[in-house]
Amino acid sequence: MNTKDVIKDFIQTEIVKHALDKPLDDTDQLVESGIVDSLGIMSLLSFLEERFSIQIPSEDLNPENFESVSTIVALVDRQQTH
């Protein structure tokens, strides 16, 4: 599985405990639409750091980096290249 698929799978199976109306799209607004709440973000953060062996610095813990699957993938990619 690639990074995007791993993140989507985690969100759909571990954070969203109910079926979504439609498949999760890369650009769906996760927080704004209520798919992910603040506790979900914390769970996602822990998962990302463990799964991808990265440390996300506090300056990257802003809502813009967790808006969508695409922005989360970009965040992980940036941390993996450091």
PDB file of N, CA and C in Angstrom:
ATOM      1  N   MET A   1       0.838  -1.189   0.000  1.00  0.00           N
ATOM      2  CA  MET A   1       0.000   0.000   0.000  1.00  0.00           C
ATOM      3  C   MET A   1       0.879   1.249   0.000  1.00  0.00           C
ATOM      4  N   ASN A   2       0.469   2.239  -0.761  1.00  0.00           N
ATOM      5  CA  ASN A   2       1.215   3.497  -0.754  1.00  0.00           C
ATOM      6  C   ASN A   2       0.757   4.367   0.425  1.00  0.00           C
ATOM      7  N   THR A   3       1.440   5.466   0.642  1.00  0.00           N
ATOM      8  CA  THR A   3       1.162   6.341   1.781  1.00  0.00           C
ATOM      9  C   THR A   3      -0.295   6.777   1.812  1.00  0.00           C
ATOM     10  N   LYS A   4      -0.804   7.217   0.681  1.00  0.00           N
ATOM     11  CA  LYS A   4      -2.192   7.692   0.611  1.00  0.00           C
ATOM     12  C   LYS A   4      -3.178   6.596   1.018  1.00  0.00           C
ATOM     13  N   ASP A   5      -2.979   5.389   0.497  1.00  0.00           N
ATOM     14  CA  ASP A   5      -3.890   4.292   0.812  1.00  0.00           C
ATOM     15  C   ASP A   5      -3.824   3.896   2.284  1.00  0.00           C
ATOM     16  N   VAL A   6      -2.632   3.925   2.858  1.00  0.00           N
ATOM     17  CA  VAL A   6      -2.468   3.599   4.281  1.00  0.00           C
ATOM     18  C   VAL A   6      -3.224   4.616   5.141  1.00  0.00           C
ATOM     19  N   ILE A   7      -3.076   5.891   4.808  1.00  0.00           N
ATOM     20  CA  ILE A   7      -3.755   6.947   5.569  1.00  0.00           C
ATOM     21  C   ILE A   7      -5.264   6.851   5.413  1.00  0.00           C
ATOM     22  N   LYS A   8      -5.744   6.664   4.193  1.00  0.00           N
ATOM     23  CA  LYS A   8      -7.189   6.523   3.953  1.00  0.00           C
ATOM     24  C   LYS A   8      -7.754   5.344   4.729  1.00  0.00           C
ATOM     25  N   ASP A   9      -7.052   4.215   4.674  1.00  0.00           N
ATOM     26  CA  ASP A   9      -7.513   3.014   5.364  1.00  0.00           C
ATOM     27  C   ASP A   9      -7.603   3.258   6.870  1.00  0.00           C
ATOM     28  N   PHE A  10      -6.594   3.919   7.442  1.00  0.00           N
ATOM     29  CA  PHE A  10      -6.617   4.200   8.874  1.00  0.00           C
ATOM     30  C   PHE A  10      -7.800   5.095   9.233  1.00  0.00           C
ATOM     31  N   ILE A  11      -8.009   6.143   8.466  1.00  0.00           N
ATOM     32  CA  ILE A  11      -9.121   7.060   8.745  1.00  0.00           C
ATOM     33  C   ILE A  11     -10.448   6.315   8.659  1.00  0.00           C
ATOM     34  N   GLN A  12     -10.618   5.508   7.627  1.00  0.00           N
ATOM     35  CA  GLN A  12     -11.890   4.824   7.434  1.00  0.00           C
ATOM     36  C   GLN A  12     -12.143   3.710   8.434  1.00  0.00           C
ATOM     37  N   THR A  13     -11.094   3.031   8.888  1.00  0.00           N
ATOM     38  CA  THR A  13     -11.301   1.897   9.787  1.00  0.00           C
ATOM     39  C   THR A  13     -11.129   2.218  11.264  1.00  0.00           C
ATOM     40  N   GLU A  14     -10.283   3.195  11.584  1.00  0.00           N
ATOM     41  CA  GLU A  14      -9.990   3.472  12.984  1.00  0.00           C
ATOM     42  C   GLU A  14     -10.609   4.766  13.511  1.00  0.00           C
ATOM     43  N   ILE A  15     -10.814   5.744  12.655  1.00  0.00           N
ATOM     44  CA  ILE A  15     -11.337   7.027  13.116  1.00  0.00           C
ATOM     45  C   ILE A  15     -12.831   7.138  12.837  1.00  0.00           C
ATOM     46  N   VAL A  16     -13.225   6.806  11.630  1.00  0.00           N
ATOM     47  CA  VAL A  16     -14.645   6.849  11.264  1.00  0.00           C
ATOM     48  C   VAL A  16     -15.229   5.489  11.592  1.00  0.00           C
ATOM     49  N   LYS A  17     -16.013   5.440  12.630  1.00  0.00           N
ATOM     50  CA  LYS A  17     -16.547   4.150  13.081  1.00  0.00           C
ATOM     51  C   LYS A  17     -17.844   3.767  12.379  1.00  0.00           C
ATOM     52  N   HIS A  18     -18.357   4.651  11.534  1.00  0.00           N
ATOM     53  CA  HIS A  18     -19.581   4.366  10.790  1.00  0.00           C
ATOM     54  C   HIS A  18     -19.282   4.457   9.297  1.00  0.00           C
ATOM     55  N   ALA A  19     -20.161   3.899   8.487  1.00  0.00           N
ATOM     56  CA  ALA A  19     -19.971   3.961   7.037  1.00  0.00           C
ATOM     57  C   ALA A  19     -20.163   5.389   6.543  1.00  0.00           C
ATOM     58  N   LEU A  20     -19.305   5.802   5.658  1.00  0.00           N
ATOM     59  CA  LEU A  20     -19.442   7.115   5.040  1.00  0.00           C
ATOM     60  C   LEU A  20     -20.472   7.036   3.919  1.00  0.00           C
ATOM     61  N   ASP A  21     -21.073   8.170   3.599  1.00  0.00           N
ATOM     62  CA  ASP A  21     -22.063   8.207   2.528  1.00  0.00           C
ATOM     63  C   ASP A  21     -21.456   7.861   1.181  1.00  0.00           C
ATOM     64  N   LYS A  22     -20.182   8.147   1.035  1.00  0.00           N
ATOM     65  CA  LYS A  22     -19.457   7.869  -0.206  1.00  0.00           C
ATOM     66  C   LYS A  22     -18.016   7.545   0.157  1.00  0.00           C
ATOM     67  N   PRO A  23     -17.284   6.932  -0.753  1.00  0.00           N
ATOM     68  CA  PRO A  23     -15.870   6.656  -0.456  1.00  0.00           C
ATOM     69  C   PRO A  23     -15.115   7.941  -0.127  1.00  0.00           C
ATOM     70  N   LEU A  24     -14.160   7.837   0.747  1.00  0.00           N
ATOM     71  CA  LEU A  24     -13.347   8.981   1.144  1.00  0.00           C
ATOM     72  C   LEU A  24     -12.505   9.444  -0.033  1.00  0.00           C
ATOM     73  N   ASP A  25     -12.650  10.712  -0.395  1.00  0.00           N
ATOM     74  CA  ASP A  25     -11.896  11.283  -1.505  1.00  0.00           C
ATOM     75  C   ASP A  25     -10.644  11.966  -0.966  1.00  0.00           C
ATOM     76  N   ASP A  26      -9.625  12.084  -1.792  1.00  0.00           N
ATOM     77  CA  ASP A  26      -8.355  12.698  -1.379  1.00  0.00           C
ATOM     78  C   ASP A  26      -8.514  14.146  -0.939  1.00  0.00           C
ATOM     79  N   THR A  27      -9.536  14.829  -1.447  1.00  0.00           N
ATOM     80  CA  THR A  27      -9.708  16.255  -1.153  1.00  0.00           C
ATOM     81  C   THR A  27     -10.867  16.550  -0.211  1.00  0.00           C
ATOM     82  N   ASP A  28     -11.524  15.518   0.307  1.00  0.00           N
ATOM     83  CA  ASP A  28     -12.608  15.753   1.274  1.00  0.00           C
ATOM     84  C   ASP A  28     -12.074  16.532   2.469  1.00  0.00           C
ATOM     85  N   GLN A  29     -12.815  17.529   2.901  1.00  0.00           N
ATOM     86  CA  GLN A  29     -12.446  18.339   4.065  1.00  0.00           C
ATOM     87  C   GLN A  29     -12.759  17.531   5.327  1.00  0.00           C
ATOM     88  N   LEU A  30     -11.746  16.935   5.922  1.00  0.00           N
ATOM     89  CA  LEU A  30     -11.935  15.982   7.007  1.00  0.00           C
ATOM     90  C   LEU A  30     -12.513  16.607   8.273  1.00  0.00           C
ATOM     91  N   VAL A  31     -11.940  17.700   8.736  1.00  0.00           N
ATOM     92  CA  VAL A  31     -12.395  18.321   9.977  1.00  0.00           C
ATOM     93  C   VAL A  31     -13.661  19.144   9.719  1.00  0.00           C
ATOM     94  N   GLU A  32     -13.615  19.952   8.682  1.00  0.00           N
ATOM     95  CA  GLU A  32     -14.737  20.832   8.365  1.00  0.00           C
ATOM     96  C   GLU A  32     -16.033  20.063   8.144  1.00  0.00           C
ATOM     97  N   SER A  33     -15.936  18.888   7.538  1.00  0.00           N
ATOM     98  CA  SER A  33     -17.133  18.093   7.258  1.00  0.00           C
ATOM     99  C   SER A  33     -17.532  17.197   8.428  1.00  0.00           C
ATOM    100  N   GLY A  34     -16.684  17.149   9.466  1.00  0.00           N
ATOM    101  CA  GLY A  34     -17.000  16.333  10.635  1.00  0.00           C
ATOM    102  C   GLY A  34     -16.554  14.886  10.525  1.00  0.00           C
ATOM    103  N   ILE A  35     -15.819  14.546   9.474  1.00  0.00           N
ATOM    104  CA  ILE A  35     -15.327  13.172   9.329  1.00  0.00           C
ATOM    105  C   ILE A  35     -14.327  12.855  10.435  1.00  0.00           C
ATOM    106  N   VAL A  36     -13.477  13.840  10.763  1.00  0.00           N
ATOM    107  CA  VAL A  36     -12.459  13.676  11.800  1.00  0.00           C
ATOM    108  C   VAL A  36     -12.610  14.814  12.808  1.00  0.00           C
ATOM    109  N   ASP A  37     -12.614  14.454  14.101  1.00  0.00           N
ATOM    110  CA  ASP A  37     -12.678  15.485  15.148  1.00  0.00           C
ATOM    111  C   ASP A  37     -11.302  15.630  15.796  1.00  0.00           C
ATOM    112  N   SER A  38     -11.226  16.430  16.846  1.00  0.00           N
ATOM    113  CA  SER A  38      -9.923  16.694  17.470  1.00  0.00           C
ATOM    114  C   SER A  38      -9.288  15.427  18.050  1.00  0.00           C
ATOM    115  N   LEU A  39     -10.090  14.549  18.609  1.00  0.00           N
ATOM    116  CA  LEU A  39      -9.539  13.283  19.112  1.00  0.00           C
ATOM    117  C   LEU A  39      -9.045  12.416  17.967  1.00  0.00           C
ATOM    118  N   GLY A  40      -9.747  12.478  16.855  1.00  0.00           N
ATOM    119  CA  GLY A  40      -9.318  11.749  15.665  1.00  0.00           C
ATOM    120  C   GLY A  40      -7.992  12.264  15.146  1.00  0.00           C
ATOM    121  N   ILE A  41      -7.798  13.571  15.197  1.00  0.00           N
ATOM    122  CA  ILE A  41      -6.528  14.160  14.772  1.00  0.00           C
ATOM    123  C   ILE A  41      -5.392  13.648  15.651  1.00  0.00           C
ATOM    124  N   MET A  42      -5.624  13.581  16.953  1.00  0.00           N
ATOM    125  CA  MET A  42      -4.579  13.089  17.864  1.00  0.00           C
ATOM    126  C   MET A  42      -4.261  11.619  17.583  1.00  0.00           C
ATOM    127  N   SER A  43      -5.279  10.833  17.333  1.00  0.00           N
ATOM    128  CA  SER A  43      -5.087   9.427  16.991  1.00  0.00           C
ATOM    129  C   SER A  43      -4.333   9.297  15.668  1.00  0.00           C
ATOM    130  N   LEU A  44      -4.720  10.105  14.705  1.00  0.00           N
ATOM    131  CA  LEU A  44      -4.062  10.107  13.399  1.00  0.00           C
ATOM    132  C   LEU A  44      -2.602  10.520  13.529  1.00  0.00           C
ATOM    133  N   LEU A  45      -2.329  11.526  14.318  1.00  0.00           N
ATOM    134  CA  LEU A  45      -0.968  11.995  14.538  1.00  0.00           C
ATOM    135  C   LEU A  45      -0.091  10.873  15.106  1.00  0.00           C
ATOM    136  N   SER A  46      -0.579  10.206  16.130  1.00  0.00           N
ATOM    137  CA  SER A  46       0.169   9.087  16.727  1.00  0.00           C
ATOM    138  C   SER A  46       0.420   7.987  15.705  1.00  0.00           C
ATOM    139  N   PHE A  47      -0.615   7.668  14.933  1.00  0.00           N
ATOM    140  CA  PHE A  47      -0.491   6.647  13.901  1.00  0.00           C
ATOM    141  C   PHE A  47       0.567   7.027  12.864  1.00  0.00           C
ATOM    142  N   LEU A  48       0.512   8.262  12.373  1.00  0.00           N
ATOM    143  CA  LEU A  48       1.455   8.704  11.349  1.00  0.00           C
ATOM    144  C   LEU A  48       2.897   8.622  11.840  1.00  0.00           C
ATOM    145  N   GLU A  49       3.129   9.079  13.063  1.00  0.00           N
ATOM    146  CA  GLU A  49       4.489   9.066  13.600  1.00  0.00           C
ATOM    147  C   GLU A  49       5.011   7.643  13.765  1.00  0.00           C
ATOM    148  N   GLU A  50       4.143   6.746  14.231  1.00  0.00           N
ATOM    149  CA  GLU A  50       4.574   5.364  14.425  1.00  0.00           C
ATOM    150  C   GLU A  50       4.708   4.620  13.106  1.00  0.00           C
ATOM    151  N   ARG A  51       3.709   4.719  12.264  1.00  0.00           N
ATOM    152  CA  ARG A  51       3.676   3.943  11.010  1.00  0.00           C
ATOM    153  C   ARG A  51       4.774   4.362  10.038  1.00  0.00           C
ATOM    154  N   PHE A  52       5.032   5.672   9.962  1.00  0.00           N
ATOM    155  CA  PHE A  52       5.995   6.170   8.989  1.00  0.00           C
ATOM    156  C   PHE A  52       7.338   6.553   9.615  1.00  0.00           C
ATOM    157  N   SER A  53       7.509   6.253  10.899  1.00  0.00           N
ATOM    158  CA  SER A  53       8.766   6.532  11.616  1.00  0.00           C
ATOM    159  C   SER A  53       9.211   7.978  11.427  1.00  0.00           C
ATOM    160  N   ILE A  54       8.275   8.886  11.705  1.00  0.00           N
ATOM    161  CA  ILE A  54       8.567  10.314  11.589  1.00  0.00           C
ATOM    162  C   ILE A  54       8.200  11.004  12.895  1.00  0.00           C
ATOM    163  N   GLN A  55       8.713  12.186  13.058  1.00  0.00           N
ATOM    164  CA  GLN A  55       8.344  13.039  14.194  1.00  0.00           C
ATOM    165  C   GLN A  55       7.811  14.330  13.590  1.00  0.00           C
ATOM    166  N   ILE A  56       6.549  14.622  13.823  1.00  0.00           N
ATOM    167  CA  ILE A  56       5.944  15.826  13.276  1.00  0.00           C
ATOM    168  C   ILE A  56       6.162  16.955  14.277  1.00  0.00           C
ATOM    169  N   PRO A  57       6.915  17.987  13.871  1.00  0.00           N
ATOM    170  CA  PRO A  57       7.211  19.085  14.796  1.00  0.00           C
ATOM    171  C   PRO A  57       5.974  19.917  15.103  1.00  0.00           C
ATOM    172  N   SER A  58       6.002  20.566  16.249  1.00  0.00           N
ATOM    173  CA  SER A  58       4.836  21.333  16.702  1.00  0.00           C
ATOM    174  C   SER A  58       4.427  22.412  15.702  1.00  0.00           C
ATOM    175  N   GLU A  59       5.377  22.983  14.971  1.00  0.00           N
ATOM    176  CA  GLU A  59       5.003  24.030  14.010  1.00  0.00           C
ATOM    177  C   GLU A  59       4.196  23.480  12.827  1.00  0.00           C
ATOM    178  N   ASP A  60       4.207  22.164  12.643  1.00  0.00           N
ATOM    179  CA  ASP A  60       3.399  21.548  11.580  1.00  0.00           C
ATOM    180  C   ASP A  60       2.058  21.027  12.088  1.00  0.00           C
ATOM    181  N   LEU A  61       1.786  21.215  13.370  1.00  0.00           N
ATOM    182  CA  LEU A  61       0.517  20.771  13.942  1.00  0.00           C
ATOM    183  C   LEU A  61      -0.530  21.879  13.811  1.00  0.00           C
ATOM    184  N   ASN A  62      -0.863  22.183  12.585  1.00  0.00           N
ATOM    185  CA  ASN A  62      -1.875  23.204  12.327  1.00  0.00           C
ATOM    186  C   ASN A  62      -2.982  22.601  11.466  1.00  0.00           C
ATOM    187  N   PRO A  63      -4.162  23.166  11.524  1.00  0.00           N
ATOM    188  CA  PRO A  63      -5.314  22.589  10.818  1.00  0.00           C
ATOM    189  C   PRO A  63      -5.097  22.407   9.313  1.00  0.00           C
ATOM    190  N   GLU A  64      -4.333  23.287   8.701  1.00  0.00           N
ATOM    191  CA  GLU A  64      -4.122  23.190   7.257  1.00  0.00           C
ATOM    192  C   GLU A  64      -3.460  21.877   6.850  1.00  0.00           C
ATOM    193  N   ASN A  65      -2.612  21.335   7.707  1.00  0.00           N
ATOM    194  CA  ASN A  65      -1.919  20.082   7.389  1.00  0.00           C
ATOM    195  C   ASN A  65      -2.803  18.852   7.552  1.00  0.00           C
ATOM    196  N   PHE A  66      -3.979  19.024   8.138  1.00  0.00           N
ATOM    197  CA  PHE A  66      -4.883  17.898   8.368  1.00  0.00           C
ATOM    198  C   PHE A  66      -6.238  18.110   7.704  1.00  0.00           C
ATOM    199  N   GLU A  67      -6.304  19.016   6.720  1.00  0.00           N
ATOM    200  CA  GLU A  67      -7.563  19.323   6.047  1.00  0.00           C
ATOM    201  C   GLU A  67      -8.111  18.155   5.243  1.00  0.00           C
ATOM    202  N   SER A  68      -7.230  17.428   4.572  1.00  0.00           N
ATOM    203  CA  SER A  68      -7.660  16.363   3.667  1.00  0.00           C
ATOM    204  C   SER A  68      -6.596  15.271   3.625  1.00  0.00           C
ATOM    205  N   VAL A  69      -6.938  14.174   2.990  1.00  0.00           N
ATOM    206  CA  VAL A  69      -5.953  13.105   2.820  1.00  0.00           C
ATOM    207  C   VAL A  69      -4.750  13.647   2.057  1.00  0.00           C
ATOM    208  N   SER A  70      -4.988  14.459   1.046  1.00  0.00           N
ATOM    209  CA  SER A  70      -3.884  15.017   0.244  1.00  0.00           C
ATOM    210  C   SER A  70      -2.928  15.858   1.086  1.00  0.00           C
ATOM    211  N   THR A  71      -3.460  16.687   1.973  1.00  0.00           N
ATOM    212  CA  THR A  71      -2.580  17.526   2.797  1.00  0.00           C
ATOM    213  C   THR A  71      -1.828  16.693   3.831  1.00  0.00           C
ATOM    214  N   ILE A  72      -2.450  15.628   4.305  1.00  0.00           N
ATOM    215  CA  ILE A  72      -1.776  14.745   5.259  1.00  0.00           C
ATOM    216  C   ILE A  72      -0.641  13.992   4.566  1.00  0.00           C
ATOM    217  N   VAL A  73      -0.893  13.512   3.351  1.00  0.00           N
ATOM    218  CA  VAL A  73       0.155  12.826   2.582  1.00  0.00           C
ATOM    219  C   VAL A  73       1.328  13.779   2.342  1.00  0.00           C
ATOM    220  N   ALA A  74       1.039  15.022   1.994  1.00  0.00           N
ATOM    221  CA  ALA A  74       2.101  16.011   1.774  1.00  0.00           C
ATOM    222  C   ALA A  74       2.915  16.226   3.050  1.00  0.00           C
ATOM    223  N   LEU A  75       2.245  16.279   4.192  1.00  0.00           N
ATOM    224  CA  LEU A  75       2.926  16.438   5.474  1.00  0.00           C
ATOM    225  C   LEU A  75       3.863  15.258   5.737  1.00  0.00           C
ATOM    226  N   VAL A  76       3.364  14.058   5.549  1.00  0.00           N
ATOM    227  CA  VAL A  76       4.191  12.867   5.764  1.00  0.00           C
ATOM    228  C   VAL A  76       5.376  12.863   4.802  1.00  0.00           C
ATOM    229  N   ASP A  77       5.127  13.183   3.538  1.00  0.00           N
ATOM    230  CA  ASP A  77       6.216  13.207   2.559  1.00  0.00           C
ATOM    231  C   ASP A  77       7.294  14.212   2.950  1.00  0.00           C
ATOM    232  N   ARG A  78       6.886  15.383   3.422  1.00  0.00           N
ATOM    233  CA  ARG A  78       7.867  16.400   3.848  1.00  0.00           C
ATOM    234  C   ARG A  78       8.711  15.895   5.018  1.00  0.00           C
ATOM    235  N   GLN A  79       8.078  15.228   5.966  1.00  0.00           N
ATOM    236  CA  GLN A  79       8.803  14.744   7.135  1.00  0.00           C
ATOM    237  C   GLN A  79       9.734  13.582   6.776  1.00  0.00           C
ATOM    238  N   GLN A  80       9.358  12.788   5.816  1.00  0.00           N
ATOM    239  CA  GLN A  80      10.199  11.655   5.410  1.00  0.00           C
ATOM    240  C   GLN A  80      11.446  12.113   4.651  1.00  0.00           C
ATOM    241  N   THR A  81      11.402  13.301   4.073  1.00  0.00           N
ATOM    242  CA  THR A  81      12.558  13.777   3.322  1.00  0.00           C
ATOM    243  C   THR A  81      13.534  14.548   4.208  1.00  0.00           C
ATOM    244  N   HIS A  82      13.164  14.787   5.475  1.00  0.00           N
ATOM    245  CA  HIS A  82      14.063  15.506   6.399  1.00  0.00           C
ATOM    246  C   HIS A  82      15.024  14.559   7.052  1.00  0.00           C
TER     247      HIS A  82
END
